[in-house]
C-alpha atoms as a PDB file:
ATOM      1  CA  UNK A   1     -19.787 -20.087 -24.717  1.00  0.00           C
ATOM      2  CA  UNK A   2     -16.204 -21.390 -24.421  1.00  0.00           C
ATOM      3  CA  UNK A   3     -15.739 -21.625 -28.200  1.00  0.00           C
ATOM      4  CA  UNK A   4     -14.282 -18.142 -28.348  1.00  0.00           C
ATOM      5  CA  UNK A   5     -11.712 -15.919 -26.703  1.00  0.00           C
ATOM      6  CA  UNK A   6     -12.933 -12.542 -25.501  1.00  0.00           C
ATOM      7  CA  UNK A   7     -10.425  -9.702 -25.309  1.00  0.00           C
ATOM      8  CA  UNK A   8     -10.732  -6.922 -22.735  1.00  0.00           C
ATOM      9  CA  UNK A   9      -8.579  -3.820 -22.439  1.00  0.00           C
ATOM     10  CA  UNK A  10      -7.817  -1.865 -19.278  1.00  0.00           C
ATOM     11  CA  UNK A  11      -8.598   1.831 -19.723  1.00  0.00           C
ATOM     12  CA  UNK A  12      -8.303   4.767 -17.383  1.00  0.00           C
ATOM     13  CA  UNK A  13     -11.710   6.491 -17.347  1.00  0.00           C
ATOM     14  CA  UNK A  14     -12.927   9.170 -14.916  1.00  0.00           C
ATOM     15  CA  UNK A  15     -10.092   8.544 -12.493  1.00  0.00           C
ATOM     16  CA  UNK A  16     -10.576   4.749 -12.413  1.00  0.00           C
ATOM     17  CA  UNK A  17      -9.126   1.778 -14.252  1.00  0.00           C
ATOM     18  CA  UNK A  18     -11.912  -0.156 -15.967  1.00  0.00           C
ATOM     19  CA  UNK A  19     -11.865  -3.259 -18.164  1.00  0.00           C
ATOM     20  CA  UNK A  20     -13.723  -2.832 -21.468  1.00  0.00           C
ATOM     21  CA  UNK A  21     -14.693  -5.443 -24.030  1.00  0.00           C
ATOM     22  CA  UNK A  22     -12.454  -5.112 -27.073  1.00  0.00           C
ATOM     23  CA  UNK A  23     -12.806  -8.082 -29.441  1.00  0.00           C
ATOM     24  CA  UNK A  24     -14.027 -11.654 -29.808  1.00  0.00           C
ATOM     25  CA  UNK A  25     -11.835 -14.364 -31.368  1.00  0.00           C
ATOM     26  CA  UNK A  26     -14.176 -17.098 -32.545  1.00  0.00           C
ATOM     27  CA  UNK A  27     -12.559 -19.487 -35.029  1.00  0.00           C
ATOM     28  CA  UNK A  28     -12.639 -22.610 -32.832  1.00  0.00           C
ATOM     29  CA  UNK A  29     -15.417 -25.148 -33.383  1.00  0.00           C
ATOM     30  CA  UNK A  30     -15.386 -26.585 -29.846  1.00  0.00           C
ATOM     31  CA  UNK A  31     -14.267 -25.811 -26.282  1.00  0.00           C
ATOM     32  CA  UNK A  32     -10.965 -23.975 -25.744  1.00  0.00           C
ATOM     33  CA  UNK A  33      -8.766 -25.688 -23.134  1.00  0.00           C
ATOM     34  CA  UNK A  34      -5.585 -23.582 -23.163  1.00  0.00           C
ATOM     35  CA  UNK A  35      -4.345 -20.085 -23.987  1.00  0.00           C
ATOM     36  CA  UNK A  36      -0.811 -18.760 -24.262  1.00  0.00           C
ATOM     37  CA  UNK A  37       0.414 -15.185 -24.824  1.00  0.00           C
ATOM     38  CA  UNK A  38       3.931 -14.317 -25.970  1.00  0.00           C
ATOM     39  CA  UNK A  39       6.200 -11.811 -24.203  1.00  0.00           C
ATOM     40  CA  UNK A  40       5.577  -9.107 -26.820  1.00  0.00           C
ATOM     41  CA  UNK A  41       1.802  -9.350 -26.305  1.00  0.00           C
ATOM     42  CA  UNK A  42       1.274  -9.676 -30.068  1.00  0.00           C
ATOM     43  CA  UNK A  43       0.707 -13.426 -30.460  1.00  0.00           C
ATOM     44  CA  UNK A  44      -1.879 -15.626 -28.734  1.00  0.00           C
ATOM     45  CA  UNK A  45      -2.084 -19.398 -29.064  1.00  0.00           C
ATOM     46  CA  UNK A  46      -5.250 -21.332 -28.296  1.00  0.00           C
ATOM     47  CA  UNK A  47      -5.747 -25.092 -28.055  1.00  0.00           C
ATOM     48  CA  UNK A  48      -9.162 -26.662 -28.330  1.00  0.00           C
ATOM     49  CA  UNK A  49     -11.319 -29.749 -28.206  1.00  0.00           C
ATOM     50  CA  UNK A  50     -11.659 -29.243 -31.972  1.00  0.00           C
ATOM     51  CA  UNK A  51      -8.105 -30.768 -32.160  1.00  0.00           C
ATOM     52  CA  UNK A  52      -6.479 -27.535 -33.372  1.00  0.00           C
ATOM     53  CA  UNK A  53      -3.913 -25.001 -32.233  1.00  0.00           C
ATOM     54  CA  UNK A  54      -4.640 -21.505 -33.514  1.00  0.00           C
ATOM     55  CA  UNK A  55      -2.135 -18.653 -33.807  1.00  0.00           C
ATOM     56  CA  UNK A  56      -3.691 -15.216 -33.361  1.00  0.00           C
ATOM     57  CA  UNK A  57      -1.675 -12.124 -34.267  1.00  0.00           C
ATOM     58  CA  UNK A  58      -2.438  -8.505 -33.609  1.00  0.00           C
ATOM     59  CA  UNK A  59      -2.276  -5.884 -36.294  1.00  0.00           C
ATOM     60  CA  UNK A  60      -5.119  -3.373 -35.973  1.00  0.00           C
ATOM     61  CA  UNK A  61      -7.232  -6.178 -34.534  1.00  0.00           C
ATOM     62  CA  UNK A  62      -6.523  -9.780 -33.580  1.00  0.00           C
ATOM     63  CA  UNK A  63      -7.017 -12.402 -36.296  1.00  0.00           C
ATOM     64  CA  UNK A  64      -6.195 -16.067 -36.814  1.00  0.00           C
ATOM     65  CA  UNK A  65      -3.011 -16.232 -38.871  1.00  0.00           C
ATOM     66  CA  UNK A  66      -2.392 -19.981 -38.787  1.00  0.00           C
ATOM     67  CA  UNK A  67      -3.894 -23.265 -37.616  1.00  0.00           C
ATOM     68  CA  UNK A  68      -2.061 -26.496 -36.746  1.00  0.00           C
ATOM     69  CA  UNK A  69      -4.273 -29.552 -37.414  1.00  0.00           C
ATOM     70  CA  UNK A  70      -1.857 -32.379 -36.519  1.00  0.00           C
ATOM     71  CA  UNK A  71      -3.562 -33.469 -33.298  1.00  0.00           C
ATOM     72  CA  UNK A  72      -6.451 -35.906 -33.726  1.00  0.00           C
ATOM     73  CA  UNK A  73      -8.051 -35.234 -30.342  1.00  0.00           C
ATOM     74  CA  UNK A  74      -8.442 -32.431 -27.781  1.00  0.00           C
ATOM     75  CA  UNK A  75      -5.428 -30.155 -27.211  1.00  0.00           C
ATOM     76  CA  UNK A  76      -4.933 -29.716 -23.451  1.00  0.00           C
ATOM     77  CA  UNK A  77      -1.667 -27.829 -23.116  1.00  0.00           C
ATOM     78  CA  UNK A  78       0.677 -25.582 -25.109  1.00  0.00           C
ATOM     79  CA  UNK A  79       3.938 -24.149 -23.773  1.00  0.00           C
ATOM     80  CA  UNK A  80       6.809 -22.000 -25.156  1.00  0.00           C
ATOM     81  CA  UNK A  81      10.516 -22.532 -24.759  1.00  0.00           C
ATOM     82  CA  UNK A  82      12.485 -19.591 -23.297  1.00  0.00           C
ATOM     83  CA  UNK A  83      13.220 -18.079 -26.717  1.00  0.00           C
ATOM     84  CA  UNK A  84       9.573 -18.441 -27.797  1.00  0.00           C
ATOM     85  CA  UNK A  85      10.559 -19.893 -31.175  1.00  0.00           C
ATOM     86  CA  UNK A  86       9.640 -23.467 -30.225  1.00  0.00           C
ATOM     87  CA  UNK A  87       6.545 -24.795 -28.518  1.00  0.00           C
ATOM     88  CA  UNK A  88       5.215 -28.138 -27.459  1.00  0.00           C
ATOM     89  CA  UNK A  89       1.638 -29.314 -27.166  1.00  0.00           C
ATOM     90  CA  UNK A  90      -0.014 -32.361 -25.686  1.00  0.00           C
ATOM     91  CA  UNK A  91      -3.349 -33.875 -26.446  1.00  0.00           C
ATOM     92  CA  UNK A  92      -5.784 -36.620 -25.611  1.00  0.00           C
ATOM     93  CA  UNK A  93      -4.470 -38.334 -28.781  1.00  0.00           C
ATOM     94  CA  UNK A  94      -1.381 -39.681 -26.929  1.00  0.00           C
ATOM     95  CA  UNK A  95       1.169 -37.530 -28.687  1.00  0.00           C
ATOM     96  CA  UNK A  96       3.309 -34.477 -28.045  1.00  0.00           C
ATOM     97  CA  UNK A  97       3.922 -32.104 -30.932  1.00  0.00           C
ATOM     98  CA  UNK A  98       7.171 -30.149 -31.161  1.00  0.00           C
ATOM     99  CA  UNK A  99       6.424 -27.041 -33.225  1.00  0.00           C
ATOM    100  CA  UNK A 100       9.026 -24.523 -34.394  1.00  0.00           C
ATOM    101  CA  UNK A 101       8.928 -21.100 -35.994  1.00  0.00           C
ATOM    102  CA  UNK A 102      10.752 -20.518 -39.281  1.00  0.00           C
ATOM    103  CA  UNK A 103      12.132 -17.003 -39.753  1.00  0.00           C
ATOM    104  CA  UNK A 104      12.429 -17.762 -43.475  1.00  0.00           C
ATOM    105  CA  UNK A 105       8.797 -18.862 -43.991  1.00  0.00           C
ATOM    106  CA  UNK A 106       7.365 -16.722 -41.159  1.00  0.00           C
ATOM    107  CA  UNK A 107       5.341 -19.787 -40.244  1.00  0.00           C
ATOM    108  CA  UNK A 108       5.028 -22.416 -37.509  1.00  0.00           C
ATOM    109  CA  UNK A 109       5.435 -26.078 -38.447  1.00  0.00           C
ATOM    110  CA  UNK A 110       5.404 -29.429 -36.679  1.00  0.00           C
ATOM    111  CA  UNK A 111       8.978 -30.747 -36.451  1.00  0.00           C
ATOM    112  CA  UNK A 112       8.384 -33.861 -34.377  1.00  0.00           C
ATOM    113  CA  UNK A 113       5.553 -36.053 -33.107  1.00  0.00           C
ATOM    114  CA  UNK A 114       6.347 -37.941 -29.901  1.00  0.00           C
ATOM    115  CA  UNK A 115       4.064 -40.910 -29.233  1.00  0.00           C
ATOM    116  CA  UNK A 116       3.251 -41.521 -25.553  1.00  0.00           C
ATOM    117  CA  UNK A 117       1.412 -44.396 -23.891  1.00  0.00           C
ATOM    118  CA  UNK A 118      -1.337 -42.281 -22.277  1.00  0.00           C
ATOM    119  CA  UNK A 119      -3.118 -39.013 -22.888  1.00  0.00           C
ATOM    120  CA  UNK A 120      -1.133 -35.872 -22.053  1.00  0.00           C
ATOM    121  CA  UNK A 121      -2.644 -33.250 -19.773  1.00  0.00           C
ATOM    122  CA  UNK A 122      -0.012 -30.586 -18.944  1.00  0.00           C
ATOM    123  CA  UNK A 123       3.510 -29.815 -20.179  1.00  0.00           C
ATOM    124  CA  UNK A 124       6.464 -27.576 -19.465  1.00  0.00           C
ATOM    125  CA  UNK A 125      10.027 -27.121 -20.646  1.00  0.00           C
ATOM    126  CA  UNK A 126      12.558 -27.878 -17.890  1.00  0.00           C
ATOM    127  CA  UNK A 127      15.327 -26.459 -20.106  1.00  0.00           C
ATOM    128  CA  UNK A 128      16.193 -26.540 -23.823  1.00  0.00           C
ATOM    129  CA  UNK A 129      16.411 -30.349 -23.903  1.00  0.00           C
ATOM    130  CA  UNK A 130      14.017 -31.573 -21.190  1.00  0.00           C
ATOM    131  CA  UNK A 131      10.219 -31.710 -21.293  1.00  0.00           C
ATOM    132  CA  UNK A 132       8.032 -32.365 -18.236  1.00  0.00           C
ATOM    133  CA  UNK A 133       4.699 -34.109 -18.919  1.00  0.00           C
ATOM    134  CA  UNK A 134       1.731 -34.759 -16.655  1.00  0.00           C
ATOM    135  CA  UNK A 135      -0.348 -37.581 -18.095  1.00  0.00           C
ATOM    136  CA  UNK A 136      -4.009 -38.396 -17.713  1.00  0.00           C
ATOM    137  CA  UNK A 137      -4.174 -41.773 -16.017  1.00  0.00           C
ATOM    138  CA  UNK A 138      -7.578 -43.072 -14.914  1.00  0.00           C
ATOM    139  CA  UNK A 139      -5.891 -45.863 -12.897  1.00  0.00           C
ATOM    140  CA  UNK A 140      -4.133 -43.443 -10.538  1.00  0.00           C
ATOM    141  CA  UNK A 141      -6.508 -41.846  -8.082  1.00  0.00           C
ATOM    142  CA  UNK A 142      -4.567 -38.648  -7.399  1.00  0.00           C
ATOM    143  CA  UNK A 143      -3.789 -38.151 -11.116  1.00  0.00           C
ATOM    144  CA  UNK A 144      -0.127 -37.421 -10.368  1.00  0.00           C
ATOM    145  CA  UNK A 145       2.120 -39.349 -12.727  1.00  0.00           C
ATOM    146  CA  UNK A 146       4.916 -37.660 -14.654  1.00  0.00           C
ATOM    147  CA  UNK A 147       7.428 -38.439 -17.344  1.00  0.00           C
ATOM    148  CA  UNK A 148      10.489 -36.600 -18.544  1.00  0.00           C
ATOM    149  CA  UNK A 149      11.762 -36.860 -22.119  1.00  0.00           C
ATOM    150  CA  UNK A 150      15.178 -35.757 -23.280  1.00  0.00           C
ATOM    151  CA  UNK A 151      15.660 -34.553 -26.834  1.00  0.00           C
ATOM    152  CA  UNK A 152      19.063 -34.884 -28.513  1.00  0.00           C
ATOM    153  CA  UNK A 153      20.592 -32.665 -31.222  1.00  0.00           C
ATOM    154  CA  UNK A 154      18.685 -34.587 -33.910  1.00  0.00           C
ATOM    155  CA  UNK A 155      15.392 -33.927 -32.066  1.00  0.00           C
ATOM    156  CA  UNK A 156      14.981 -37.592 -31.165  1.00  0.00           C
ATOM    157  CA  UNK A 157      13.494 -38.694 -27.855  1.00  0.00           C
ATOM    158  CA  UNK A 158      16.332 -40.441 -26.000  1.00  0.00           C
ATOM    159  CA  UNK A 159      14.790 -41.678 -22.748  1.00  0.00           C
ATOM    160  CA  UNK A 160      11.660 -41.870 -20.666  1.00  0.00           C
ATOM    161  CA  UNK A 161      11.864 -41.731 -16.887  1.00  0.00           C
ATOM    162  CA  UNK A 162       8.876 -42.862 -14.836  1.00  0.00           C
END
C-alpha cells in the first residue's frame, strides 16, 4: 500500500551489495505523493493525500517528529531551499505554504500561506527569492502552465508572471 514509506539499506554480504528491508514508516492515513530527504540523510519529509506533511527524523530508528496540518487537500510537492532551513509545499487546496525551521524552538512552522488561483502540482526554488510553480490546469491539454512568485524581505508575494 502507498500509505507508508519503506526503508531499505544497502549492505555488503558475501561479496555482493544487497538491499535489505530496514523499517516501515506508516503514520499517513492516505496515499503519499512526495518524499524529500535532507543532505545529512537524517530527515525525511513526506506529503500525502491525507493533507499533511510529516517530518521523520532518525535516531536509532526513524520516527515521525512533527506534522504540519495547514493544507486542506492533497500535498503534491515539497522542496527545500539551498540552506535546507526553509521549504515550500503546494497542494490541491490552491495554496503554497512557506515553512521555516526555528533553531530556538527546534521546530518547523508555517510562516506564510500564498493563495493561488489553481491547484499546485510541482514546485522549486529558483533562488532565495523566486519560486517556480507548475499548476494543475484541466483546461490546458499539455498541462504545462507555470507561474513565478517573488518574495520580498517581509515575505510578501510581490508579483505573478504568467
